[in-house]
């Protein structure tokens, strides 16, 4: 019975809040494309829960990645019915990737 309760609790937490751990911080590993190696960009608090230094959003990562590939992140594409969709919305470049 104890295991059943723990599984139900874990499922409830997962569906209630999305990611069930470290939802305010993430890690990304990048290599190649002329990215300077051997660096760590940003930091978290002592417990690793919250970003505390050089805080970037997924949009920033996407804008930087597209720029490294020679694609303008401000490019507007069109979906199947012709609606405009911006490739990256409000992403800023992560300057440390271009040093």
N, C-alpha and C. Protein backbone atom coordinates (compact mmCIF):
# COMPACT_ATOMS: atom_id res chain seq x y z
N UNK A 1 0.82 -1.19 0.00
CA UNK A 1 0.00 0.00 0.00
C UNK A 1 0.87 1.26 0.00
N UNK A 2 1.99 1.20 0.70
CA UNK A 2 2.86 2.36 0.75
C UNK A 2 3.38 2.72 -0.64
N UNK A 3 3.80 1.74 -1.43
CA UNK A 3 4.31 2.01 -2.78
C UNK A 3 3.23 2.60 -3.66
N UNK A 4 2.03 2.09 -3.52
CA UNK A 4 0.91 2.60 -4.31
C UNK A 4 0.70 4.09 -4.02
N UNK A 5 0.75 4.47 -2.74
CA UNK A 5 0.58 5.87 -2.36
C UNK A 5 1.70 6.73 -2.95
N UNK A 6 2.94 6.25 -2.86
CA UNK A 6 4.07 7.02 -3.38
C UNK A 6 3.96 7.23 -4.88
N UNK A 7 3.53 6.20 -5.60
CA UNK A 7 3.38 6.33 -7.05
C UNK A 7 2.29 7.34 -7.38
N UNK A 8 1.17 7.25 -6.69
CA UNK A 8 0.09 8.22 -6.93
C UNK A 8 0.53 9.63 -6.59
N UNK A 9 1.29 9.78 -5.50
CA UNK A 9 1.78 11.10 -5.12
C UNK A 9 2.71 11.65 -6.20
N UNK A 10 3.62 10.83 -6.70
CA UNK A 10 4.55 11.27 -7.74
C UNK A 10 3.81 11.68 -9.01
N UNK A 11 2.81 10.90 -9.39
CA UNK A 11 2.02 11.24 -10.58
C UNK A 11 1.27 12.55 -10.37
N UNK A 12 0.70 12.74 -9.20
CA UNK A 12 -0.04 13.97 -8.91
C UNK A 12 0.89 15.18 -8.98
N UNK A 13 2.09 15.06 -8.44
CA UNK A 13 3.04 16.17 -8.48
C UNK A 13 3.45 16.45 -9.91
N UNK A 14 3.74 15.41 -10.69
CA UNK A 14 4.16 15.59 -12.08
C UNK A 14 3.12 16.36 -12.88
N UNK A 15 1.87 15.96 -12.78
CA UNK A 15 0.84 16.59 -13.59
C UNK A 15 0.38 17.93 -13.04
N UNK A 16 0.61 18.18 -11.78
CA UNK A 16 0.16 19.44 -11.18
C UNK A 16 1.07 20.60 -11.55
N UNK A 17 2.36 20.37 -11.64
CA UNK A 17 3.29 21.49 -11.83
C UNK A 17 4.26 21.30 -12.99
N UNK A 18 4.06 20.32 -13.83
CA UNK A 18 4.98 20.12 -14.95
C UNK A 18 6.19 19.34 -14.49
N UNK A 19 7.36 19.89 -14.73
CA UNK A 19 8.57 19.21 -14.28
C UNK A 19 8.51 19.09 -12.77
N UNK A 20 8.83 17.92 -12.26
CA UNK A 20 8.65 17.71 -10.83
C UNK A 20 9.90 18.02 -10.00
N UNK A 21 10.94 18.57 -10.62
CA UNK A 21 12.11 18.96 -9.84
C UNK A 21 12.90 20.01 -10.62
N UNK A 22 13.54 20.90 -9.92
CA UNK A 22 14.40 21.93 -10.50
C UNK A 22 13.73 22.63 -11.68
N UNK A 23 12.53 23.09 -11.49
CA UNK A 23 11.79 23.69 -12.59
C UNK A 23 12.20 25.14 -12.88
N UNK A 24 13.05 25.73 -12.05
CA UNK A 24 13.47 27.11 -12.26
C UNK A 24 14.93 27.22 -12.69
N UNK A 25 15.57 26.10 -12.98
CA UNK A 25 16.95 26.11 -13.45
C UNK A 25 17.14 24.93 -14.39
N UNK A 26 18.05 25.07 -15.35
CA UNK A 26 18.32 23.97 -16.26
C UNK A 26 19.77 24.03 -16.71
N UNK A 27 20.24 22.94 -17.26
CA UNK A 27 21.59 22.87 -17.80
C UNK A 27 21.51 22.58 -19.28
N UNK A 28 22.44 23.17 -20.03
CA UNK A 28 22.54 22.93 -21.46
C UNK A 28 24.01 22.72 -21.77
N UNK A 29 24.32 21.68 -22.51
CA UNK A 29 25.69 21.40 -22.93
C UNK A 29 25.80 21.73 -24.41
N UNK A 30 26.78 22.55 -24.77
CA UNK A 30 26.97 22.91 -26.17
C UNK A 30 28.43 22.68 -26.55
N UNK A 31 28.64 22.22 -27.78
CA UNK A 31 29.99 22.01 -28.29
C UNK A 31 29.97 22.22 -29.80
N UNK A 32 31.12 22.60 -30.34
CA UNK A 32 31.22 22.81 -31.78
C UNK A 32 30.77 24.20 -32.17
N UNK A 33 30.67 24.43 -33.48
CA UNK A 33 30.19 25.70 -34.05
C UNK A 33 31.01 26.90 -33.58
N UNK A 34 32.27 26.67 -33.21
CA UNK A 34 33.11 27.77 -32.77
C UNK A 34 32.82 28.27 -31.37
N UNK A 35 32.07 27.51 -30.60
CA UNK A 35 31.76 27.92 -29.23
C UNK A 35 33.01 27.71 -28.37
N UNK A 36 33.44 28.75 -27.65
CA UNK A 36 34.61 28.59 -26.79
C UNK A 36 34.38 27.50 -25.74
N UNK A 37 35.32 26.59 -25.63
CA UNK A 37 35.17 25.47 -24.70
C UNK A 37 35.62 25.81 -23.29
N UNK A 38 35.33 24.90 -22.38
CA UNK A 38 35.80 24.99 -21.01
C UNK A 38 35.19 26.10 -20.19
N UNK A 39 33.97 26.47 -20.47
CA UNK A 39 33.37 27.54 -19.68
C UNK A 39 32.02 27.11 -19.11
N UNK A 40 31.70 27.72 -18.00
CA UNK A 40 30.39 27.55 -17.38
C UNK A 40 29.77 28.93 -17.37
N UNK A 41 28.56 29.04 -17.91
CA UNK A 41 27.88 30.33 -18.00
C UNK A 41 26.72 30.31 -17.03
N UNK A 42 26.75 31.19 -16.05
CA UNK A 42 25.65 31.27 -15.09
C UNK A 42 25.91 30.45 -13.84
N UNK A 43 24.98 30.55 -12.91
CA UNK A 43 25.08 29.84 -11.64
C UNK A 43 23.69 29.71 -11.04
N UNK A 44 23.58 28.83 -10.05
CA UNK A 44 22.33 28.66 -9.32
C UNK A 44 22.58 28.95 -7.84
N UNK A 45 21.51 28.96 -7.08
CA UNK A 45 21.66 29.11 -5.64
C UNK A 45 22.32 27.85 -5.08
N UNK A 46 22.58 27.84 -3.80
CA UNK A 46 23.31 26.74 -3.17
C UNK A 46 22.65 25.39 -3.41
N UNK A 47 21.32 25.34 -3.40
CA UNK A 47 20.61 24.08 -3.58
C UNK A 47 20.37 23.74 -5.05
N UNK A 48 20.68 24.65 -5.96
CA UNK A 48 20.47 24.39 -7.38
C UNK A 48 19.03 24.56 -7.82
N UNK A 49 18.24 25.26 -7.03
CA UNK A 49 16.82 25.43 -7.35
C UNK A 49 16.58 26.58 -8.32
N UNK A 50 17.27 27.70 -8.12
CA UNK A 50 17.00 28.90 -8.89
C UNK A 50 18.27 29.43 -9.54
N UNK A 51 18.14 29.92 -10.77
CA UNK A 51 19.26 30.57 -11.44
C UNK A 51 19.55 31.88 -10.70
N UNK A 52 20.84 32.15 -10.48
CA UNK A 52 21.18 33.34 -9.70
C UNK A 52 22.14 34.28 -10.42
N UNK A 53 22.74 33.83 -11.50
CA UNK A 53 23.74 34.63 -12.20
C UNK A 53 23.65 34.34 -13.68
N UNK A 54 23.71 35.39 -14.51
CA UNK A 54 23.58 35.23 -15.97
C UNK A 54 22.36 34.37 -16.31
N UNK A 55 21.20 34.83 -15.92
CA UNK A 55 19.97 34.08 -16.12
C UNK A 55 19.51 34.21 -17.57
N UNK A 56 19.37 33.08 -18.25
CA UNK A 56 18.92 33.05 -19.63
C UNK A 56 17.68 32.18 -19.75
N UNK A 57 16.86 32.48 -20.74
CA UNK A 57 15.63 31.72 -21.00
C UNK A 57 15.86 30.77 -22.17
N UNK A 58 15.01 29.77 -22.35
CA UNK A 58 15.13 28.89 -23.52
C UNK A 58 15.13 29.66 -24.84
N UNK A 59 14.41 30.78 -24.90
CA UNK A 59 14.39 31.59 -26.11
C UNK A 59 15.78 32.14 -26.42
N UNK A 60 16.54 32.49 -25.39
CA UNK A 60 17.89 32.99 -25.57
C UNK A 60 18.79 31.90 -26.14
N UNK A 61 18.65 30.70 -25.62
CA UNK A 61 19.41 29.56 -26.13
C UNK A 61 19.07 29.33 -27.60
N UNK A 62 17.79 29.35 -27.95
CA UNK A 62 17.36 29.12 -29.33
C UNK A 62 17.89 30.21 -30.26
N UNK A 63 17.80 31.47 -29.84
CA UNK A 63 18.29 32.58 -30.66
C UNK A 63 19.79 32.45 -30.90
N UNK A 64 20.54 32.08 -29.87
CA UNK A 64 21.98 31.91 -30.01
C UNK A 64 22.32 30.74 -30.91
N UNK A 65 21.61 29.64 -30.77
CA UNK A 65 21.85 28.46 -31.60
C UNK A 65 21.57 28.76 -33.07
N UNK A 66 20.44 29.39 -33.36
CA UNK A 66 20.12 29.73 -34.75
C UNK A 66 21.16 30.69 -35.32
N UNK A 67 21.59 31.68 -34.53
CA UNK A 67 22.60 32.62 -35.00
C UNK A 67 23.90 31.91 -35.32
N UNK A 68 24.32 30.97 -34.46
CA UNK A 68 25.53 30.20 -34.71
C UNK A 68 25.43 29.40 -36.01
N UNK A 69 24.21 28.97 -36.36
CA UNK A 69 24.00 28.20 -37.59
C UNK A 69 23.79 29.10 -38.81
N UNK A 70 23.86 30.43 -38.60
CA UNK A 70 23.69 31.36 -39.71
C UNK A 70 22.25 31.65 -40.06
N UNK A 71 21.33 31.35 -39.16
CA UNK A 71 19.90 31.60 -39.39
C UNK A 71 19.48 32.77 -38.52
N UNK A 72 18.83 33.75 -39.12
CA UNK A 72 18.35 34.91 -38.37
C UNK A 72 17.20 34.50 -37.46
N UNK A 73 17.36 34.62 -36.13
CA UNK A 73 16.29 34.20 -35.22
C UNK A 73 15.02 35.04 -35.35
N UNK A 74 15.10 36.21 -35.99
CA UNK A 74 13.91 37.06 -36.18
C UNK A 74 13.13 36.66 -37.43
N UNK A 75 13.56 35.60 -38.11
CA UNK A 75 12.88 35.13 -39.32
C UNK A 75 11.42 34.79 -39.01
N UNK A 76 10.55 35.19 -39.92
CA UNK A 76 9.13 34.85 -39.79
C UNK A 76 8.80 33.77 -40.81
N UNK A 77 8.26 32.67 -40.34
CA UNK A 77 7.81 31.57 -41.19
C UNK A 77 6.29 31.60 -41.24
N UNK A 78 5.71 30.77 -42.09
CA UNK A 78 4.25 30.70 -42.18
C UNK A 78 3.82 29.25 -42.02
N UNK A 79 2.77 29.05 -41.22
CA UNK A 79 2.27 27.69 -41.00
C UNK A 79 1.41 27.24 -42.20
N UNK A 80 0.76 26.09 -42.08
CA UNK A 80 0.02 25.49 -43.18
C UNK A 80 -1.13 26.36 -43.69
N UNK A 81 -1.66 27.21 -42.85
CA UNK A 81 -2.77 28.06 -43.29
C UNK A 81 -2.33 29.51 -43.53
N UNK A 82 -1.03 29.74 -43.54
CA UNK A 82 -0.50 31.05 -43.88
C UNK A 82 -0.30 32.01 -42.73
N UNK A 83 -0.50 31.57 -41.50
CA UNK A 83 -0.30 32.46 -40.35
C UNK A 83 1.19 32.66 -40.09
N UNK A 84 1.61 33.89 -39.81
CA UNK A 84 3.02 34.13 -39.52
C UNK A 84 3.42 33.59 -38.15
N UNK A 85 4.59 32.97 -38.11
CA UNK A 85 5.14 32.43 -36.86
C UNK A 85 6.60 32.85 -36.81
N UNK A 86 6.95 33.61 -35.78
CA UNK A 86 8.34 34.04 -35.63
C UNK A 86 9.17 32.87 -35.13
N UNK A 87 10.34 32.68 -35.72
CA UNK A 87 11.20 31.56 -35.36
C UNK A 87 11.53 31.58 -33.88
N UNK A 88 11.98 32.72 -33.37
CA UNK A 88 12.25 32.87 -31.94
C UNK A 88 11.62 34.19 -31.50
N UNK A 89 10.84 34.14 -30.45
CA UNK A 89 10.16 35.33 -29.96
C UNK A 89 10.91 35.89 -28.76
N UNK A 90 11.47 37.07 -28.90
CA UNK A 90 12.13 37.80 -27.81
C UNK A 90 13.38 37.12 -27.26
N UNK A 91 14.08 36.36 -28.07
CA UNK A 91 15.33 35.75 -27.61
C UNK A 91 16.48 36.73 -27.74
N UNK A 92 17.38 36.71 -26.78
CA UNK A 92 18.58 37.55 -26.85
C UNK A 92 19.80 36.65 -26.95
N UNK A 93 20.84 37.13 -27.59
CA UNK A 93 22.04 36.32 -27.77
C UNK A 93 22.79 36.15 -26.46
N UNK A 94 23.31 34.96 -26.25
CA UNK A 94 24.16 34.68 -25.10
C UNK A 94 25.58 35.02 -25.52
N UNK A 95 26.05 36.19 -25.10
CA UNK A 95 27.31 36.74 -25.62
C UNK A 95 28.51 35.85 -25.35
N UNK A 96 28.49 35.08 -24.28
CA UNK A 96 29.63 34.21 -23.96
C UNK A 96 29.84 33.12 -25.01
N UNK A 97 28.82 32.80 -25.78
CA UNK A 97 28.95 31.78 -26.82
C UNK A 97 29.64 32.31 -28.07
N UNK A 98 29.82 33.63 -28.14
CA UNK A 98 30.39 34.25 -29.33
C UNK A 98 31.75 34.89 -29.06
N UNK A 99 32.35 34.60 -27.93
CA UNK A 99 33.64 35.22 -27.55
C UNK A 99 34.77 34.73 -28.43
